[in-house]
Amino acid sequence: MSQRDPELVAAFRQYVERFDTEIGHKEFGQFGTWERQLIKKLKYDEFVEKYMQYKQMDEVYRGVIERGDTINDMMLHALKEIAAELVIKVDF
């Protein structure tokens, strides 16, 4: 996926909308609180890196669940942490 892939641009727009709705309007690089965590409003390049990590970890997590494998608590914690940085609520 290239940096300016339409899927990434759309995901970034959704992220900015979620951030502004859930946390409040902040300039890029500023922090706000969400779910009792301090969250930085990411610039596009920062977002792309986190988003790709999140998508990769989410894919692995879904595979683990589908196979019925045991999941590591550290993996869940890492997935929740990245999801929070992207202002994505996860329930597991």
PDB file of N, CA and C in Angstrom:
ATOM      1  N   MET A   1       0.836  -1.174   0.000  1.00  0.00           N
ATOM      2  CA  MET A   1       0.000   0.000   0.000  1.00  0.00           C
ATOM      3  C   MET A   1       0.886   1.245   0.000  1.00  0.00           C
ATOM      4  N   SER A   2       0.638   2.146  -0.924  1.00  0.00           N
ATOM      5  CA  SER A   2       1.430   3.375  -0.961  1.00  0.00           C
ATOM      6  C   SER A   2       0.922   4.363   0.077  1.00  0.00           C
ATOM      7  N   GLN A   3       1.765   5.334   0.406  1.00  0.00           N
ATOM      8  CA  GLN A   3       1.430   6.338   1.419  1.00  0.00           C
ATOM      9  C   GLN A   3       0.149   7.092   1.085  1.00  0.00           C
ATOM     10  N   ARG A   4      -0.153   7.300  -0.182  1.00  0.00           N
ATOM     11  CA  ARG A   4      -1.335   8.072  -0.589  1.00  0.00           C
ATOM     12  C   ARG A   4      -2.440   7.174  -1.145  1.00  0.00           C
ATOM     13  N   ASP A   5      -2.445   5.923  -0.741  1.00  0.00           N
ATOM     14  CA  ASP A   5      -3.476   4.990  -1.142  1.00  0.00           C
ATOM     15  C   ASP A   5      -4.839   5.540  -0.699  1.00  0.00           C
ATOM     16  N   PRO A   6      -5.860   5.477  -1.565  1.00  0.00           N
ATOM     17  CA  PRO A   6      -7.175   6.012  -1.198  1.00  0.00           C
ATOM     18  C   PRO A   6      -7.738   5.419   0.097  1.00  0.00           C
ATOM     19  N   GLU A   7      -7.444   4.137   0.359  1.00  0.00           N
ATOM     20  CA  GLU A   7      -7.917   3.505   1.600  1.00  0.00           C
ATOM     21  C   GLU A   7      -7.284   4.177   2.821  1.00  0.00           C
ATOM     22  N   LEU A   8      -5.986   4.478   2.736  1.00  0.00           N
ATOM     23  CA  LEU A   8      -5.295   5.141   3.846  1.00  0.00           C
ATOM     24  C   LEU A   8      -5.803   6.566   4.049  1.00  0.00           C
ATOM     25  N   VAL A   9      -6.014   7.270   2.956  1.00  0.00           N
ATOM     26  CA  VAL A   9      -6.523   8.645   3.049  1.00  0.00           C
ATOM     27  C   VAL A   9      -7.908   8.643   3.691  1.00  0.00           C
ATOM     28  N   ALA A  10      -8.768   7.713   3.274  1.00  0.00           N
ATOM     29  CA  ALA A  10     -10.116   7.610   3.855  1.00  0.00           C
ATOM     30  C   ALA A  10     -10.041   7.239   5.333  1.00  0.00           C
ATOM     31  N   ALA A  11      -9.158   6.305   5.680  1.00  0.00           N
ATOM     32  CA  ALA A  11      -8.998   5.898   7.082  1.00  0.00           C
ATOM     33  C   ALA A  11      -8.494   7.066   7.925  1.00  0.00           C
ATOM     34  N   PHE A  12      -7.592   7.881   7.357  1.00  0.00           N
ATOM     35  CA  PHE A  12      -7.081   9.043   8.081  1.00  0.00           C
ATOM     36  C   PHE A  12      -8.192  10.061   8.321  1.00  0.00           C
ATOM     37  N   ARG A  13      -9.005  10.298   7.318  1.00  0.00           N
ATOM     38  CA  ARG A  13     -10.138  11.229   7.481  1.00  0.00           C
ATOM     39  C   ARG A  13     -11.080  10.741   8.577  1.00  0.00           C
ATOM     40  N   GLN A  14     -11.353   9.444   8.596  1.00  0.00           N
ATOM     41  CA  GLN A  14     -12.214   8.870   9.634  1.00  0.00           C
ATOM     42  C   GLN A  14     -11.569   9.031  11.014  1.00  0.00           C
ATOM     43  N   TYR A  15     -10.254   8.816  11.077  1.00  0.00           N
ATOM     44  CA  TYR A  15      -9.519   8.970  12.331  1.00  0.00           C
ATOM     45  C   TYR A  15      -9.635  10.403  12.846  1.00  0.00           C
ATOM     46  N   VAL A  16      -9.405  11.383  11.970  1.00  0.00           N
ATOM     47  CA  VAL A  16      -9.475  12.791  12.383  1.00  0.00           C
ATOM     48  C   VAL A  16     -10.880  13.116  12.884  1.00  0.00           C
ATOM     49  N   GLU A  17     -11.887  12.612  12.196  1.00  0.00           N
ATOM     50  CA  GLU A  17     -13.271  12.833  12.620  1.00  0.00           C
ATOM     51  C   GLU A  17     -13.530  12.194  13.989  1.00  0.00           C
ATOM     52  N   ARG A  18     -13.064  10.950  14.178  1.00  0.00           N
ATOM     53  CA  ARG A  18     -13.218  10.275  15.473  1.00  0.00           C
ATOM     54  C   ARG A  18     -12.506  11.046  16.565  1.00  0.00           C
ATOM     55  N   PHE A  19     -11.272  11.455  16.284  1.00  0.00           N
ATOM     56  CA  PHE A  19     -10.483  12.188  17.275  1.00  0.00           C
ATOM     57  C   PHE A  19     -11.213  13.457  17.686  1.00  0.00           C
ATOM     58  N   ASP A  20     -11.642  14.248  16.706  1.00  0.00           N
ATOM     59  CA  ASP A  20     -12.303  15.520  17.004  1.00  0.00           C
ATOM     60  C   ASP A  20     -13.625  15.319  17.739  1.00  0.00           C
ATOM     61  N   THR A  21     -14.350  14.262  17.405  1.00  0.00           N
ATOM     62  CA  THR A  21     -15.621  13.974  18.059  1.00  0.00           C
ATOM     63  C   THR A  21     -15.426  13.448  19.479  1.00  0.00           C
ATOM     64  N   GLU A  22     -14.552  12.484  19.628  1.00  0.00           N
ATOM     65  CA  GLU A  22     -14.357  11.802  20.917  1.00  0.00           C
ATOM     66  C   GLU A  22     -13.491  12.590  21.895  1.00  0.00           C
ATOM     67  N   ILE A  23     -12.489  13.292  21.388  1.00  0.00           N
ATOM     68  CA  ILE A  23     -11.508  13.952  22.245  1.00  0.00           C
ATOM     69  C   ILE A  23     -11.668  15.465  22.221  1.00  0.00           C
ATOM     70  N   GLY A  24     -12.055  15.988  21.084  1.00  0.00           N
ATOM     71  CA  GLY A  24     -12.175  17.432  20.916  1.00  0.00           C
ATOM     72  C   GLY A  24     -11.135  17.909  19.923  1.00  0.00           C
ATOM     73  N   HIS A  25     -11.394  19.070  19.340  1.00  0.00           N
ATOM     74  CA  HIS A  25     -10.469  19.583  18.323  1.00  0.00           C
ATOM     75  C   HIS A  25      -9.121  19.924  18.945  1.00  0.00           C
ATOM     76  N   LYS A  26      -8.088  19.371  18.369  1.00  0.00           N
ATOM     77  CA  LYS A  26      -6.694  19.645  18.762  1.00  0.00           C
ATOM     78  C   LYS A  26      -5.894  19.808  17.480  1.00  0.00           C
ATOM     79  N   GLU A  27      -4.804  20.530  17.566  1.00  0.00           N
ATOM     80  CA  GLU A  27      -3.873  20.617  16.441  1.00  0.00           C
ATOM     81  C   GLU A  27      -3.080  19.311  16.386  1.00  0.00           C
ATOM     82  N   PHE A  28      -2.577  18.979  15.198  1.00  0.00           N
ATOM     83  CA  PHE A  28      -1.752  17.776  15.080  1.00  0.00           C
ATOM     84  C   PHE A  28      -0.532  17.916  15.985  1.00  0.00           C
ATOM     85  N   GLY A  29      -0.244  16.848  16.733  1.00  0.00           N
ATOM     86  CA  GLY A  29       0.869  16.857  17.679  1.00  0.00           C
ATOM     87  C   GLY A  29       0.442  17.192  19.091  1.00  0.00           C
ATOM     88  N   GLN A  30      -0.769  17.735  19.260  1.00  0.00           N
ATOM     89  CA  GLN A  30      -1.261  18.030  20.604  1.00  0.00           C
ATOM     90  C   GLN A  30      -1.920  16.789  21.190  1.00  0.00           C
ATOM     91  N   PHE A  31      -2.103  16.814  22.515  1.00  0.00           N
ATOM     92  CA  PHE A  31      -2.652  15.670  23.228  1.00  0.00           C
ATOM     93  C   PHE A  31      -4.034  15.981  23.784  1.00  0.00           C
ATOM     94  N   GLY A  32      -4.806  14.927  23.940  1.00  0.00           N
ATOM     95  CA  GLY A  32      -6.098  14.996  24.605  1.00  0.00           C
ATOM     96  C   GLY A  32      -6.299  13.703  25.369  1.00  0.00           C
ATOM     97  N   THR A  33      -7.324  13.632  26.185  1.00  0.00           N
ATOM     98  CA  THR A  33      -7.579  12.414  26.949  1.00  0.00           C
ATOM     99  C   THR A  33      -8.791  11.682  26.384  1.00  0.00           C
ATOM    100  N   TRP A  34      -8.674  10.364  26.363  1.00  0.00           N
ATOM    101  CA  TRP A  34      -9.738   9.482  25.882  1.00  0.00           C
ATOM    102  C   TRP A  34      -9.623   8.167  26.628  1.00  0.00           C
ATOM    103  N   GLU A  35     -10.750   7.720  27.193  1.00  0.00           N
ATOM    104  CA  GLU A  35     -10.742   6.452  27.939  1.00  0.00           C
ATOM    105  C   GLU A  35      -9.637   6.448  29.000  1.00  0.00           C
ATOM    106  N   ARG A  36      -9.473   7.569  29.664  1.00  0.00           N
ATOM    107  CA  ARG A  36      -8.473   7.771  30.718  1.00  0.00           C
ATOM    108  C   ARG A  36      -7.034   7.597  30.232  1.00  0.00           C
ATOM    109  N   GLN A  37      -6.803   7.824  28.946  1.00  0.00           N
ATOM    110  CA  GLN A  37      -5.458   7.752  28.380  1.00  0.00           C
ATOM    111  C   GLN A  37      -5.135   9.062  27.676  1.00  0.00           C
ATOM    112  N   LEU A  38      -3.874   9.414  27.696  1.00  0.00           N
ATOM    113  CA  LEU A  38      -3.391  10.595  26.987  1.00  0.00           C
ATOM    114  C   LEU A  38      -3.103  10.177  25.547  1.00  0.00           C
ATOM    115  N   ILE A  39      -3.791  10.810  24.588  1.00  0.00           N
ATOM    116  CA  ILE A  39      -3.700  10.423  23.186  1.00  0.00           C
ATOM    117  C   ILE A  39      -3.216  11.608  22.362  1.00  0.00           C
ATOM    118  N   LYS A  40      -2.200  11.379  21.539  1.00  0.00           N
ATOM    119  CA  LYS A  40      -1.655  12.410  20.658  1.00  0.00           C
ATOM    120  C   LYS A  40      -2.414  12.391  19.333  1.00  0.00           C
ATOM    121  N   LYS A  41      -2.757  13.585  18.820  1.00  0.00           N
ATOM    122  CA  LYS A  41      -3.359  13.665  17.497  1.00  0.00           C
ATOM    123  C   LYS A  41      -2.239  13.507  16.469  1.00  0.00           C
ATOM    124  N   LEU A  42      -2.309  12.408  15.745  1.00  0.00           N
ATOM    125  CA  LEU A  42      -1.245  12.013  14.833  1.00  0.00           C
ATOM    126  C   LEU A  42      -1.317  12.752  13.501  1.00  0.00           C
ATOM    127  N   LYS A  43      -0.138  13.088  12.975  1.00  0.00           N
ATOM    128  CA  LYS A  43      -0.033  13.601  11.609  1.00  0.00           C
ATOM    129  C   LYS A  43      -0.219  12.412  10.671  1.00  0.00           C
ATOM    130  N   TYR A  44      -0.441  12.696   9.398  1.00  0.00           N
ATOM    131  CA  TYR A  44      -0.736  11.639   8.432  1.00  0.00           C
ATOM    132  C   TYR A  44       0.314  10.528   8.433  1.00  0.00           C
ATOM    133  N   ASP A  45       1.590  10.888   8.353  1.00  0.00           N
ATOM    134  CA  ASP A  45       2.643   9.866   8.309  1.00  0.00           C
ATOM    135  C   ASP A  45       2.679   9.020   9.570  1.00  0.00           C
ATOM    136  N   GLU A  46       2.469   9.653  10.727  1.00  0.00           N
ATOM    137  CA  GLU A  46       2.417   8.917  11.993  1.00  0.00           C
ATOM    138  C   GLU A  46       1.215   7.983  11.999  1.00  0.00           C
ATOM    139  N   PHE A  47       0.084   8.497  11.513  1.00  0.00           N
ATOM    140  CA  PHE A  47      -1.130   7.697  11.452  1.00  0.00           C
ATOM    141  C   PHE A  47      -0.934   6.449  10.599  1.00  0.00           C
ATOM    142  N   VAL A  48      -0.345   6.632   9.417  1.00  0.00           N
ATOM    143  CA  VAL A  48      -0.155   5.501   8.495  1.00  0.00           C
ATOM    144  C   VAL A  48       0.645   4.398   9.175  1.00  0.00           C
ATOM    145  N   GLU A  49       1.706   4.758   9.869  1.00  0.00           N
ATOM    146  CA  GLU A  49       2.525   3.757  10.564  1.00  0.00           C
ATOM    147  C   GLU A  49       1.700   3.004  11.611  1.00  0.00           C
ATOM    148  N   LYS A  50       0.966   3.729  12.446  1.00  0.00           N
ATOM    149  CA  LYS A  50       0.149   3.096  13.496  1.00  0.00           C
ATOM    150  C   LYS A  50      -0.985   2.281  12.893  1.00  0.00           C
ATOM    151  N   TYR A  51      -1.604   2.824  11.850  1.00  0.00           N
ATOM    152  CA  TYR A  51      -2.723   2.141  11.205  1.00  0.00           C
ATOM    153  C   TYR A  51      -2.277   0.808  10.611  1.00  0.00           C
ATOM    154  N   MET A  52      -1.128   0.805   9.960  1.00  0.00           N
ATOM    155  CA  MET A  52      -0.622  -0.435   9.378  1.00  0.00           C
ATOM    156  C   MET A  52      -0.296  -1.452  10.469  1.00  0.00           C
ATOM    157  N   GLN A  53       0.274  -0.996  11.585  1.00  0.00           N
ATOM    158  CA  GLN A  53       0.535  -1.891  12.719  1.00  0.00           C
ATOM    159  C   GLN A  53      -0.777  -2.460  13.251  1.00  0.00           C
ATOM    160  N   TYR A  54      -1.768  -1.599  13.397  1.00  0.00           N
ATOM    161  CA  TYR A  54      -3.068  -2.028  13.910  1.00  0.00           C
ATOM    162  C   TYR A  54      -3.701  -3.070  12.985  1.00  0.00           C
ATOM    163  N   LYS A  55      -3.713  -2.798  11.683  1.00  0.00           N
ATOM    164  CA  LYS A  55      -4.317  -3.729  10.731  1.00  0.00           C
ATOM    165  C   LYS A  55      -3.612  -5.082  10.764  1.00  0.00           C
ATOM    166  N   GLN A  56      -2.283  -5.055  10.860  1.00  0.00           N
ATOM    167  CA  GLN A  56      -1.520  -6.301  10.899  1.00  0.00           C
ATOM    168  C   GLN A  56      -1.835  -7.078  12.185  1.00  0.00           C
ATOM    169  N   MET A  57      -1.832  -6.385  13.315  1.00  0.00           N
ATOM    170  CA  MET A  57      -2.116  -7.061  14.589  1.00  0.00           C
ATOM    171  C   MET A  57      -3.558  -7.563  14.631  1.00  0.00           C
ATOM    172  N   ASP A  58      -4.494  -6.793  14.097  1.00  0.00           N
ATOM    173  CA  ASP A  58      -5.897  -7.196  14.075  1.00  0.00           C
ATOM    174  C   ASP A  58      -6.079  -8.455  13.228  1.00  0.00           C
ATOM    175  N   GLU A  59      -5.358  -8.521  12.115  1.00  0.00           N
ATOM    176  CA  GLU A  59      -5.426  -9.699  11.252  1.00  0.00           C
ATOM    177  C   GLU A  59      -4.898 -10.935  11.991  1.00  0.00           C
ATOM    178  N   VAL A  60      -3.792 -10.787  12.686  1.00  0.00           N
ATOM    179  CA  VAL A  60      -3.229 -11.897  13.460  1.00  0.00           C
ATOM    180  C   VAL A  60      -4.216 -12.311  14.552  1.00  0.00           C
ATOM    181  N   TYR A  61      -4.783 -11.331  15.257  1.00  0.00           N
ATOM    182  CA  TYR A  61      -5.734 -11.609  16.332  1.00  0.00           C
ATOM    183  C   TYR A  61      -6.942 -12.388  15.801  1.00  0.00           C
ATOM    184  N   ARG A  62      -7.489 -11.938  14.679  1.00  0.00           N
ATOM    185  CA  ARG A  62      -8.655 -12.621  14.101  1.00  0.00           C
ATOM    186  C   ARG A  62      -8.306 -14.058  13.691  1.00  0.00           C
ATOM    187  N   GLY A  63      -7.102 -14.259  13.185  1.00  0.00           N
ATOM    188  CA  GLY A  63      -6.661 -15.606  12.840  1.00  0.00           C
ATOM    189  C   GLY A  63      -6.562 -16.504  14.062  1.00  0.00           C
ATOM    190  N   VAL A  64      -6.049 -15.947  15.146  1.00  0.00           N
ATOM    191  CA  VAL A  64      -5.942 -16.699  16.405  1.00  0.00           C
ATOM    192  C   VAL A  64      -7.334 -17.118  16.886  1.00  0.00           C
ATOM    193  N   ILE A  65      -8.270 -16.187  16.837  1.00  0.00           N
ATOM    194  CA  ILE A  65      -9.637 -16.473  17.281  1.00  0.00           C
ATOM    195  C   ILE A  65     -10.285 -17.535  16.387  1.00  0.00           C
ATOM    196  N   GLU A  66     -10.136 -17.395  15.078  1.00  0.00           N
ATOM    197  CA  GLU A  66     -10.719 -18.360  14.140  1.00  0.00           C
ATOM    198  C   GLU A  66     -10.179 -19.764  14.355  1.00  0.00           C
ATOM    199  N   ARG A  67      -8.884 -19.866  14.633  1.00  0.00           N
ATOM    200  CA  ARG A  67      -8.263 -21.181  14.840  1.00  0.00           C
ATOM    201  C   ARG A  67      -8.511 -21.728  16.237  1.00  0.00           C
ATOM    202  N   GLY A  68      -8.955 -20.874  17.149  1.00  0.00           N
ATOM    203  CA  GLY A  68      -9.171 -21.314  18.523  1.00  0.00           C
ATOM    204  C   GLY A  68      -7.881 -21.423  19.313  1.00  0.00           C
ATOM    205  N   ASP A  69      -6.835 -20.741  18.852  1.00  0.00           N
ATOM    206  CA  ASP A  69      -5.559 -20.757  19.553  1.00  0.00           C
ATOM    207  C   ASP A  69      -5.646 -19.939  20.846  1.00  0.00           C
ATOM    208  N   THR A  70      -4.690 -20.153  21.714  1.00  0.00           N
ATOM    209  CA  THR A  70      -4.576 -19.363  22.936  1.00  0.00           C
ATOM    210  C   THR A  70      -3.927 -18.032  22.584  1.00  0.00           C
ATOM    211  N   ILE A  71      -4.486 -16.968  23.139  1.00  0.00           N
ATOM    212  CA  ILE A  71      -3.943 -15.640  22.832  1.00  0.00           C
ATOM    213  C   ILE A  71      -3.136 -15.133  24.017  1.00  0.00           C
ATOM    214  N   ASN A  72      -2.060 -14.492  23.727  1.00  0.00           N
ATOM    215  CA  ASN A  72      -1.158 -13.949  24.725  1.00  0.00           C
ATOM    216  C   ASN A  72      -1.699 -12.613  25.238  1.00  0.00           C
ATOM    217  N   ASP A  73      -1.673 -12.405  26.560  1.00  0.00           N
ATOM    218  CA  ASP A  73      -2.142 -11.147  27.140  1.00  0.00           C
ATOM    219  C   ASP A  73      -1.351  -9.944  26.629  1.00  0.00           C
ATOM    220  N   MET A  74      -0.072 -10.143  26.362  1.00  0.00           N
ATOM    221  CA  MET A  74       0.746  -9.044  25.847  1.00  0.00           C
ATOM    222  C   MET A  74       0.255  -8.603  24.471  1.00  0.00           C
ATOM    223  N   MET A  75      -0.173  -9.557  23.648  1.00  0.00           N
ATOM    224  CA  MET A  75      -0.687  -9.213  22.329  1.00  0.00           C
ATOM    225  C   MET A  75      -1.969  -8.395  22.464  1.00  0.00           C
ATOM    226  N   LEU A  76      -2.858  -8.809  23.356  1.00  0.00           N
ATOM    227  CA  LEU A  76      -4.094  -8.050  23.578  1.00  0.00           C
ATOM    228  C   LEU A  76      -3.796  -6.640  24.064  1.00  0.00           C
ATOM    229  N   HIS A  77      -2.865  -6.523  24.979  1.00  0.00           N
ATOM    230  CA  HIS A  77      -2.486  -5.211  25.503  1.00  0.00           C
ATOM    231  C   HIS A  77      -1.930  -4.326  24.391  1.00  0.00           C
ATOM    232  N   ALA A  78      -1.056  -4.889  23.564  1.00  0.00           N
ATOM    233  CA  ALA A  78      -0.459  -4.125  22.463  1.00  0.00           C
ATOM    234  C   ALA A  78      -1.523  -3.701  21.457  1.00  0.00           C
ATOM    235  N   LEU A  79      -2.455  -4.589  21.146  1.00  0.00           N
ATOM    236  CA  LEU A  79      -3.531  -4.263  20.207  1.00  0.00           C
ATOM    237  C   LEU A  79      -4.428  -3.164  20.768  1.00  0.00           C
ATOM    238  N   LYS A  80      -4.763  -3.255  22.056  1.00  0.00           N
ATOM    239  CA  LYS A  80      -5.583  -2.224  22.698  1.00  0.00           C
ATOM    240  C   LYS A  80      -4.857  -0.879  22.712  1.00  0.00           C
ATOM    241  N   GLU A  81      -3.546  -0.906  22.942  1.00  0.00           N
ATOM    242  CA  GLU A  81      -2.761   0.327  22.991  1.00  0.00           C
ATOM    243  C   GLU A  81      -2.744   1.030  21.630  1.00  0.00           C
ATOM    244  N   ILE A  82      -2.512   0.265  20.573  1.00  0.00           N
ATOM    245  CA  ILE A  82      -2.502   0.855  19.233  1.00  0.00           C
ATOM    246  C   ILE A  82      -3.908   1.326  18.857  1.00  0.00           C
ATOM    247  N   ALA A  83      -4.930   0.544  19.205  1.00  0.00           N
ATOM    248  CA  ALA A  83      -6.307   0.947  18.918  1.00  0.00           C
ATOM    249  C   ALA A  83      -6.627   2.274  19.611  1.00  0.00           C
ATOM    250  N   ALA A  84      -6.182   2.438  20.856  1.00  0.00           N
ATOM    251  CA  ALA A  84      -6.433   3.683  21.583  1.00  0.00           C
ATOM    252  C   ALA A  84      -5.755   4.857  20.880  1.00  0.00           C
ATOM    253  N   GLU A  85      -4.533   4.664  20.387  1.00  0.00           N
ATOM    254  CA  GLU A  85      -3.840   5.736  19.680  1.00  0.00           C
ATOM    255  C   GLU A  85      -4.594   6.162  18.422  1.00  0.00           C
ATOM    256  N   LEU A  86      -5.383   5.240  17.869  1.00  0.00           N
ATOM    257  CA  LEU A  86      -6.176   5.520  16.667  1.00  0.00           C
ATOM    258  C   LEU A  86      -7.620   5.874  17.028  1.00  0.00           C
ATOM    259  N   VAL A  87      -7.912   5.963  18.320  1.00  0.00           N
ATOM    260  CA  VAL A  87      -9.251   6.280  18.844  1.00  0.00           C
ATOM    261  C   VAL A  87     -10.263   5.263  18.315  1.00  0.00           C
ATOM    262  N   ILE A  88      -9.895   3.985  18.443  1.00  0.00           N
ATOM    263  CA  ILE A  88     -10.761   2.874  18.045  1.00  0.00           C
ATOM    264  C   ILE A  88     -11.111   2.099  19.294  1.00  0.00           C
ATOM    265  N   LYS A  89     -12.408   1.956  19.561  1.00  0.00           N
ATOM    266  CA  LYS A  89     -12.847   1.165  20.719  1.00  0.00           C
ATOM    267  C   LYS A  89     -12.793  -0.314  20.355  1.00  0.00           C
ATOM    268  N   VAL A  90     -12.201  -1.093  21.243  1.00  0.00           N
ATOM    269  CA  VAL A  90     -12.142  -2.543  21.050  1.00  0.00           C
ATOM    270  C   VAL A  90     -12.752  -3.221  22.266  1.00  0.00           C
ATOM    271  N   ASP A  91     -13.470  -4.296  22.009  1.00  0.00           N
ATOM    272  CA  ASP A  91     -14.102  -5.053  23.095  1.00  0.00           C
ATOM    273  C   ASP A  91     -13.671  -6.511  22.997  1.00  0.00           C
ATOM    274  N   PHE A  92     -12.712  -6.869  23.840  1.00  0.00           N
ATOM    275  CA  PHE A  92     -12.308  -8.267  23.995  1.00  0.00           C
ATOM    276  C   PHE A  92     -11.645  -8.446  25.309  1.00  0.00           C
TER     277      PHE A  92
END
